[in-house]
Amino acid sequence: MKASKLINAMTMVSLLAVLAACGRAGPLEPPPSSVSQPAGQETQEPSVEEKPFVLDALLN
């Protein structure tokens, strides 16, 4: 009976440690797409040619 309580306690402690270690330390940052640029400064993205993917027929 004592062994099962010890195993349960160790499982809970390890689960809490894993969950506490998730994420990045530091302040929250907005996503890059939400940062607005001043008017008149437009960036041109280089054109990227689309290559067909093996599973495109299944996904569409």
N, C-alpha and C. Protein backbone atom coordinates (compact mmCIF):
# COMPACT_ATOMS: atom_id res chain seq x y z
N MET A 1 0.82 -1.19 0.00
CA MET A 1 0.00 0.00 0.00
C MET A 1 0.87 1.25 0.00
N LYS A 2 1.98 1.22 0.74
CA LYS A 2 2.86 2.38 0.80
C LYS A 2 3.56 2.62 -0.53
N ALA A 3 3.88 1.55 -1.23
CA ALA A 3 4.60 1.67 -2.50
C ALA A 3 3.72 2.37 -3.54
N SER A 4 2.44 2.05 -3.57
CA SER A 4 1.56 2.68 -4.56
C SER A 4 1.39 4.17 -4.28
N LYS A 5 1.34 4.56 -3.01
CA LYS A 5 1.25 5.98 -2.67
C LYS A 5 2.53 6.70 -3.06
N LEU A 6 3.66 6.07 -2.87
CA LEU A 6 4.94 6.66 -3.24
C LEU A 6 5.03 6.82 -4.76
N ILE A 7 4.60 5.82 -5.48
CA ILE A 7 4.62 5.90 -6.95
C ILE A 7 3.69 7.00 -7.43
N ASN A 8 2.50 7.11 -6.84
CA ASN A 8 1.56 8.17 -7.21
C ASN A 8 2.15 9.55 -6.92
N ALA A 9 2.77 9.70 -5.77
CA ALA A 9 3.36 10.98 -5.40
C ALA A 9 4.50 11.35 -6.34
N MET A 10 5.35 10.39 -6.66
CA MET A 10 6.47 10.65 -7.57
C MET A 10 5.96 10.98 -8.98
N THR A 11 4.90 10.33 -9.41
CA THR A 11 4.31 10.61 -10.72
C THR A 11 3.77 12.02 -10.76
N MET A 12 3.06 12.43 -9.72
CA MET A 12 2.51 13.78 -9.68
C MET A 12 3.61 14.84 -9.64
N VAL A 13 4.66 14.61 -8.88
CA VAL A 13 5.76 15.56 -8.80
C VAL A 13 6.46 15.68 -10.15
N SER A 14 6.68 14.55 -10.81
CA SER A 14 7.35 14.60 -12.12
C SER A 14 6.45 15.27 -13.16
N LEU A 15 5.15 15.03 -13.10
CA LEU A 15 4.23 15.68 -14.02
C LEU A 15 4.21 17.19 -13.80
N LEU A 16 4.20 17.63 -12.57
CA LEU A 16 4.23 19.05 -12.27
C LEU A 16 5.55 19.68 -12.71
N ALA A 17 6.64 18.96 -12.57
CA ALA A 17 7.94 19.49 -13.01
C ALA A 17 7.97 19.64 -14.52
N VAL A 18 7.40 18.69 -15.25
CA VAL A 18 7.37 18.77 -16.71
C VAL A 18 6.50 19.94 -17.15
N LEU A 19 5.34 20.11 -16.53
CA LEU A 19 4.46 21.21 -16.90
C LEU A 19 5.04 22.56 -16.53
N ALA A 20 5.78 22.64 -15.46
CA ALA A 20 6.38 23.90 -15.05
C ALA A 20 7.52 24.30 -15.98
N ALA A 21 8.13 23.34 -16.64
CA ALA A 21 9.26 23.63 -17.53
C ALA A 21 8.82 23.98 -18.94
N CYS A 22 7.52 23.96 -19.22
CA CYS A 22 7.04 24.27 -20.57
C CYS A 22 7.12 25.77 -20.82
N GLY A 23 7.37 26.15 -22.06
CA GLY A 23 7.33 27.55 -22.43
C GLY A 23 8.68 28.22 -22.33
N ARG A 24 8.67 29.51 -22.61
CA ARG A 24 9.88 30.32 -22.59
C ARG A 24 9.84 31.26 -21.40
N ALA A 25 10.98 31.49 -20.83
CA ALA A 25 11.06 32.43 -19.72
C ALA A 25 11.12 33.85 -20.27
N GLY A 26 10.55 34.76 -19.58
CA GLY A 26 10.60 36.16 -19.99
C GLY A 26 9.22 36.71 -20.28
N PRO A 27 9.18 37.96 -20.70
CA PRO A 27 7.90 38.60 -20.96
C PRO A 27 7.24 38.06 -22.23
N LEU A 28 5.94 38.25 -22.32
CA LEU A 28 5.21 37.81 -23.49
C LEU A 28 5.55 38.71 -24.67
N GLU A 29 5.60 38.13 -25.86
CA GLU A 29 5.89 38.88 -27.07
C GLU A 29 4.74 38.71 -28.04
N PRO A 30 4.35 39.77 -28.74
CA PRO A 30 3.27 39.62 -29.73
C PRO A 30 3.77 38.83 -30.93
N PRO A 31 2.88 38.19 -31.66
CA PRO A 31 3.28 37.47 -32.86
C PRO A 31 3.86 38.44 -33.89
N PRO A 32 4.78 37.98 -34.73
CA PRO A 32 5.42 38.89 -35.68
C PRO A 32 4.45 39.55 -36.65
N SER A 33 3.35 38.89 -36.99
CA SER A 33 2.41 39.46 -37.95
C SER A 33 1.59 40.60 -37.34
N SER A 34 1.52 40.69 -36.03
CA SER A 34 0.70 41.73 -35.41
C SER A 34 1.46 43.05 -35.25
N VAL A 35 2.75 43.05 -35.52
CA VAL A 35 3.54 44.27 -35.41
C VAL A 35 3.26 45.12 -36.64
N SER A 36 2.74 46.32 -36.42
CA SER A 36 2.39 47.17 -37.54
C SER A 36 3.60 47.97 -38.00
N GLN A 37 3.68 48.20 -39.31
CA GLN A 37 4.76 48.99 -39.87
C GLN A 37 4.25 50.39 -40.17
N PRO A 38 5.10 51.39 -40.06
CA PRO A 38 4.68 52.75 -40.39
C PRO A 38 4.23 52.84 -41.85
N ALA A 39 3.29 53.75 -42.11
CA ALA A 39 2.78 53.91 -43.46
C ALA A 39 3.90 54.36 -44.39
N GLY A 40 3.88 53.83 -45.60
CA GLY A 40 4.87 54.20 -46.59
C GLY A 40 6.07 53.27 -46.62
N GLN A 41 6.24 52.45 -45.61
CA GLN A 41 7.35 51.51 -45.60
C GLN A 41 6.79 50.10 -45.79
N GLU A 42 6.75 49.70 -47.03
CA GLU A 42 6.26 48.36 -47.33
C GLU A 42 7.45 47.48 -47.68
N THR A 43 7.45 46.30 -47.13
CA THR A 43 8.54 45.38 -47.45
C THR A 43 8.08 44.45 -48.55
N GLN A 44 8.97 44.18 -49.46
CA GLN A 44 8.66 43.25 -50.53
C GLN A 44 9.25 41.90 -50.17
N GLU A 45 8.38 40.90 -50.13
CA GLU A 45 8.84 39.56 -49.83
C GLU A 45 9.30 38.89 -51.11
N PRO A 46 10.40 38.17 -51.05
CA PRO A 46 10.87 37.49 -52.25
C PRO A 46 9.86 36.41 -52.68
N SER A 47 9.68 36.29 -53.98
CA SER A 47 8.72 35.31 -54.46
C SER A 47 9.29 33.91 -54.30
N VAL A 48 8.45 33.02 -53.82
CA VAL A 48 8.86 31.64 -53.61
C VAL A 48 7.98 30.77 -54.49
N GLU A 49 8.60 30.00 -55.35
CA GLU A 49 7.80 29.14 -56.21
C GLU A 49 7.29 27.95 -55.41
N GLU A 50 6.05 27.61 -55.65
CA GLU A 50 5.44 26.49 -54.93
C GLU A 50 5.84 25.18 -55.57
N LYS A 51 6.28 24.27 -54.74
CA LYS A 51 6.63 22.94 -55.21
C LYS A 51 5.51 22.01 -54.77
N PRO A 52 5.07 21.13 -55.64
CA PRO A 52 4.00 20.20 -55.24
C PRO A 52 4.48 19.24 -54.15
N PHE A 53 3.59 18.97 -53.24
CA PHE A 53 3.88 18.06 -52.14
C PHE A 53 3.19 16.74 -52.42
N VAL A 54 3.73 15.66 -51.91
CA VAL A 54 3.22 14.32 -52.19
C VAL A 54 1.76 14.17 -51.77
N LEU A 55 1.38 14.76 -50.65
CA LEU A 55 0.03 14.57 -50.11
C LEU A 55 -0.94 15.66 -50.51
N ASP A 56 -0.58 16.53 -51.45
CA ASP A 56 -1.48 17.61 -51.87
C ASP A 56 -2.83 17.09 -52.37
N ALA A 57 -2.81 16.00 -53.09
CA ALA A 57 -4.07 15.45 -53.63
C ALA A 57 -5.00 15.00 -52.50
N LEU A 58 -4.45 14.51 -51.43
CA LEU A 58 -5.28 14.07 -50.30
C LEU A 58 -5.77 15.24 -49.45
N LEU A 59 -4.97 16.28 -49.36
CA LEU A 59 -5.32 17.41 -48.51
C LEU A 59 -6.32 18.34 -49.17
N ASN A 60 -6.38 18.37 -50.48
CA ASN A 60 -7.31 19.28 -51.18
C ASN A 60 -8.60 18.61 -51.49
